[in-house]
Amino acid sequence: MNRNWKSKLREKAQRFFWHGYWTDPTVFFSFVPAVILNVIMWLAVWRIVQPTDQPLILHYNVYFGIDAIGDWRNIYLMPALALALLIANAVLSRFFYYKERLASYLFALMALVVQLLMAVGLASVIMINF
């Protein structure tokens, strides 16, 4: 039973990753920088954020000022949410690749845009607090 479950998972992963979809230039040059940006966000948070008892500013708005304060662990939610959105966009882009190519490209490009916006937000949170 356990071996059958692992072999099915391995087969599905091979069908997902070993495919012509990943060699498409639009898809490749959207997801590779997005993954690199996400790794940079994780490394920045891991290297810069220090455990502290003081509350940290998690969101700043020009009109209202500080509107979200939290624990230092909450800063890790930003790259985690970015990673979840990256995975969701990759799955949806792969799903629509043969059905509607334009939708697939839009999901791939939006993965990069989301990573860029999250990186800017994370950089501002790090600059405000540290």
C-alpha atoms as a PDB file:
ATOM      1  CA  MET A   1       0.000   0.000   0.000  1.00  0.00           C
ATOM      2  CA  ASN A   2       2.733   2.481   0.963  1.00  0.00           C
ATOM      3  CA  ARG A   3       4.858   1.687  -2.104  1.00  0.00           C
ATOM      4  CA  ASN A   4       1.842   2.113  -4.405  1.00  0.00           C
ATOM      5  CA  TRP A   5       1.098   5.555  -2.965  1.00  0.00           C
ATOM      6  CA  LYS A   6       4.710   6.680  -3.444  1.00  0.00           C
ATOM      7  CA  SER A   7       4.888   5.405  -7.011  1.00  0.00           C
ATOM      8  CA  LYS A   8       1.656   7.196  -7.946  1.00  0.00           C
ATOM      9  CA  LEU A   9       2.961  10.443  -6.442  1.00  0.00           C
ATOM     10  CA  ARG A  10       6.286  10.055  -8.265  1.00  0.00           C
ATOM     11  CA  GLU A  11       4.487   9.422 -11.564  1.00  0.00           C
ATOM     12  CA  LYS A  12       2.293  12.504 -11.152  1.00  0.00           C
ATOM     13  CA  ALA A  13       5.301  14.650 -10.276  1.00  0.00           C
ATOM     14  CA  GLN A  14       7.153  13.407 -13.355  1.00  0.00           C
ATOM     15  CA  ARG A  15       4.175  14.191 -15.569  1.00  0.00           C
ATOM     16  CA  PHE A  16       3.973  17.685 -14.085  1.00  0.00           C
ATOM     17  CA  PHE A  17       7.662  18.617 -14.273  1.00  0.00           C
ATOM     18  CA  TRP A  18       9.007  16.678 -17.293  1.00  0.00           C
ATOM     19  CA  HIS A  19       6.923  18.405 -19.881  1.00  0.00           C
ATOM     20  CA  GLY A  20       7.327  20.803 -22.804  1.00  0.00           C
ATOM     21  CA  TYR A  21       5.483  23.420 -20.782  1.00  0.00           C
ATOM     22  CA  TRP A  22       8.581  24.268 -18.761  1.00  0.00           C
ATOM     23  CA  THR A  23      10.670  24.872 -21.901  1.00  0.00           C
ATOM     24  CA  ASP A  24       8.325  27.561 -23.201  1.00  0.00           C
ATOM     25  CA  PRO A  25      10.342  30.835 -23.013  1.00  0.00           C
ATOM     26  CA  THR A  26       7.492  32.905 -21.560  1.00  0.00           C
ATOM     27  CA  VAL A  27       6.863  30.380 -18.820  1.00  0.00           C
ATOM     28  CA  PHE A  28      10.546  29.736 -18.142  1.00  0.00           C
ATOM     29  CA  PHE A  29      11.539  33.418 -17.939  1.00  0.00           C
ATOM     30  CA  SER A  30       8.558  34.151 -15.696  1.00  0.00           C
ATOM     31  CA  PHE A  31       8.960  31.368 -13.171  1.00  0.00           C
ATOM     32  CA  VAL A  32      12.753  31.255 -12.855  1.00  0.00           C
ATOM     33  CA  PRO A  33      13.070  34.918 -11.693  1.00  0.00           C
ATOM     34  CA  ALA A  34       9.996  34.430  -9.497  1.00  0.00           C
ATOM     35  CA  VAL A  35      11.575  31.429  -7.757  1.00  0.00           C
ATOM     36  CA  ILE A  36      14.888  33.272  -7.386  1.00  0.00           C
ATOM     37  CA  LEU A  37      13.089  36.265  -5.857  1.00  0.00           C
ATOM     38  CA  ASN A  38      11.259  34.021  -3.419  1.00  0.00           C
ATOM     39  CA  VAL A  39      14.509  32.387  -2.338  1.00  0.00           C
ATOM     40  CA  ILE A  40      16.053  35.847  -1.861  1.00  0.00           C
ATOM     41  CA  MET A  41      13.089  36.867   0.312  1.00  0.00           C
ATOM     42  CA  TRP A  42      13.492  33.765   2.499  1.00  0.00           C
ATOM     43  CA  LEU A  43      17.228  34.367   2.845  1.00  0.00           C
ATOM     44  CA  ALA A  44      16.730  38.056   3.678  1.00  0.00           C
ATOM     45  CA  VAL A  45      14.215  37.276   6.400  1.00  0.00           C
ATOM     46  CA  TRP A  46      16.371  34.479   7.776  1.00  0.00           C
ATOM     47  CA  ARG A  47      19.514  36.640   7.874  1.00  0.00           C
ATOM     48  CA  ILE A  48      18.072  39.990   8.985  1.00  0.00           C
ATOM     49  CA  VAL A  49      15.121  39.301  11.294  1.00  0.00           C
ATOM     50  CA  GLN A  50      16.199  38.675  14.880  1.00  0.00           C
ATOM     51  CA  PRO A  51      13.911  37.307  17.589  1.00  0.00           C
ATOM     52  CA  THR A  52      12.742  40.111  19.828  1.00  0.00           C
ATOM     53  CA  ASP A  53      10.098  40.784  22.453  1.00  0.00           C
ATOM     54  CA  GLN A  54       9.261  44.165  20.973  1.00  0.00           C
ATOM     55  CA  PRO A  55       6.324  44.404  18.551  1.00  0.00           C
ATOM     56  CA  LEU A  56       7.317  45.073  14.947  1.00  0.00           C
ATOM     57  CA  ILE A  57       5.613  47.168  12.286  1.00  0.00           C
ATOM     58  CA  LEU A  58       4.134  44.793   9.715  1.00  0.00           C
ATOM     59  CA  HIS A  59       2.336  47.290   7.496  1.00  0.00           C
ATOM     60  CA  TYR A  60       2.624  51.013   6.951  1.00  0.00           C
ATOM     61  CA  ASN A  61       0.186  53.111   4.966  1.00  0.00           C
ATOM     62  CA  VAL A  62       0.954  56.643   3.782  1.00  0.00           C
ATOM     63  CA  TYR A  63      -2.541  57.867   4.618  1.00  0.00           C
ATOM     64  CA  PHE A  64      -3.141  56.128   7.938  1.00  0.00           C
ATOM     65  CA  GLY A  65       0.375  55.404   9.179  1.00  0.00           C
ATOM     66  CA  ILE A  66       1.063  52.170  11.001  1.00  0.00           C
ATOM     67  CA  ASP A  67      -1.915  49.871  10.684  1.00  0.00           C
ATOM     68  CA  ALA A  68      -0.469  46.427  11.495  1.00  0.00           C
ATOM     69  CA  ILE A  69       1.802  45.518  14.402  1.00  0.00           C
ATOM     70  CA  GLY A  70       2.843  42.004  15.308  1.00  0.00           C
ATOM     71  CA  ASP A  71       5.400  39.528  16.492  1.00  0.00           C
ATOM     72  CA  TRP A  72       8.721  38.967  14.682  1.00  0.00           C
ATOM     73  CA  ARG A  73       7.464  35.564  13.492  1.00  0.00           C
ATOM     74  CA  ASN A  74       4.747  37.265  11.449  1.00  0.00           C
ATOM     75  CA  ILE A  75       7.359  38.626   9.036  1.00  0.00           C
ATOM     76  CA  TYR A  76       7.875  35.036   7.830  1.00  0.00           C
ATOM     77  CA  LEU A  77       4.283  35.034   6.590  1.00  0.00           C
ATOM     78  CA  MET A  78       5.156  37.368   3.703  1.00  0.00           C
ATOM     79  CA  PRO A  79       7.533  35.015   1.858  1.00  0.00           C
ATOM     80  CA  ALA A  80       5.315  32.066   2.807  1.00  0.00           C
ATOM     81  CA  LEU A  81       2.277  33.716   1.224  1.00  0.00           C
ATOM     82  CA  ALA A  82       4.371  34.626  -1.812  1.00  0.00           C
ATOM     83  CA  LEU A  83       5.478  30.995  -2.121  1.00  0.00           C
ATOM     84  CA  ALA A  84       1.889  29.744  -1.839  1.00  0.00           C
ATOM     85  CA  LEU A  85       0.784  32.150  -4.579  1.00  0.00           C
ATOM     86  CA  LEU A  86       3.742  31.109  -6.736  1.00  0.00           C
ATOM     87  CA  ILE A  87       2.767  27.447  -6.441  1.00  0.00           C
ATOM     88  CA  ALA A  88      -0.892  28.226  -7.146  1.00  0.00           C
ATOM     89  CA  ASN A  89       0.034  30.253 -10.230  1.00  0.00           C
ATOM     90  CA  ALA A  90       2.358  27.485 -11.459  1.00  0.00           C
ATOM     91  CA  VAL A  91      -0.344  24.848 -11.097  1.00  0.00           C
ATOM     92  CA  LEU A  92      -2.995  26.996 -12.768  1.00  0.00           C
ATOM     93  CA  SER A  93      -0.628  28.032 -15.546  1.00  0.00           C
ATOM     94  CA  ARG A  94       0.280  24.403 -16.216  1.00  0.00           C
ATOM     95  CA  PHE A  95      -3.402  23.420 -16.173  1.00  0.00           C
ATOM     96  CA  PHE A  96      -4.391  26.025 -18.771  1.00  0.00           C
ATOM     97  CA  TYR A  97      -1.335  25.588 -21.019  1.00  0.00           C
ATOM     98  CA  TYR A  98      -3.013  23.398 -23.662  1.00  0.00           C
ATOM     99  CA  LYS A  99      -6.532  24.717 -23.157  1.00  0.00           C
ATOM    100  CA  GLU A 100      -5.957  28.470 -23.244  1.00  0.00           C
ATOM    101  CA  ARG A 101      -2.365  29.509 -23.805  1.00  0.00           C
ATOM    102  CA  LEU A 102      -2.982  33.217 -23.074  1.00  0.00           C
ATOM    103  CA  ALA A 103      -4.435  32.421 -19.647  1.00  0.00           C
ATOM    104  CA  SER A 104      -1.431  30.217 -18.965  1.00  0.00           C
ATOM    105  CA  TYR A 105       0.950  33.051 -19.843  1.00  0.00           C
ATOM    106  CA  LEU A 106      -0.996  35.488 -17.681  1.00  0.00           C
ATOM    107  CA  PHE A 107      -0.761  33.164 -14.683  1.00  0.00           C
ATOM    108  CA  ALA A 108       2.975  32.757 -15.291  1.00  0.00           C
ATOM    109  CA  LEU A 109       3.558  36.504 -15.571  1.00  0.00           C
ATOM    110  CA  MET A 110       1.403  37.219 -12.537  1.00  0.00           C
ATOM    111  CA  ALA A 111       3.590  34.850 -10.517  1.00  0.00           C
ATOM    112  CA  LEU A 112       6.523  37.135 -11.258  1.00  0.00           C
ATOM    113  CA  VAL A 113       4.528  40.306 -10.541  1.00  0.00           C
ATOM    114  CA  VAL A 114       3.325  38.938  -7.188  1.00  0.00           C
ATOM    115  CA  GLN A 115       6.885  38.040  -6.202  1.00  0.00           C
ATOM    116  CA  LEU A 116       8.110  41.520  -7.139  1.00  0.00           C
ATOM    117  CA  LEU A 117       5.372  43.237  -5.131  1.00  0.00           C
ATOM    118  CA  MET A 118       5.937  40.979  -2.130  1.00  0.00           C
ATOM    119  CA  ALA A 119       9.679  41.642  -2.307  1.00  0.00           C
ATOM    120  CA  VAL A 120       9.038  45.410  -2.259  1.00  0.00           C
ATOM    121  CA  GLY A 121       6.670  45.011   0.685  1.00  0.00           C
ATOM    122  CA  LEU A 122       9.104  42.822   2.573  1.00  0.00           C
ATOM    123  CA  ALA A 123      11.960  45.231   1.879  1.00  0.00           C
ATOM    124  CA  SER A 124       9.911  48.107   3.286  1.00  0.00           C
ATOM    125  CA  VAL A 125       9.024  46.128   6.424  1.00  0.00           C
ATOM    126  CA  ILE A 126      12.678  45.217   6.930  1.00  0.00           C
ATOM    127  CA  MET A 127      13.841  48.809   6.371  1.00  0.00           C
ATOM    128  CA  ILE A 128      11.269  50.203   8.802  1.00  0.00           C
ATOM    129  CA  ASN A 129      12.086  47.740  11.579  1.00  0.00           C
ATOM    130  CA  PHE A 130      15.773  46.942  11.260  1.00  0.00           C
END
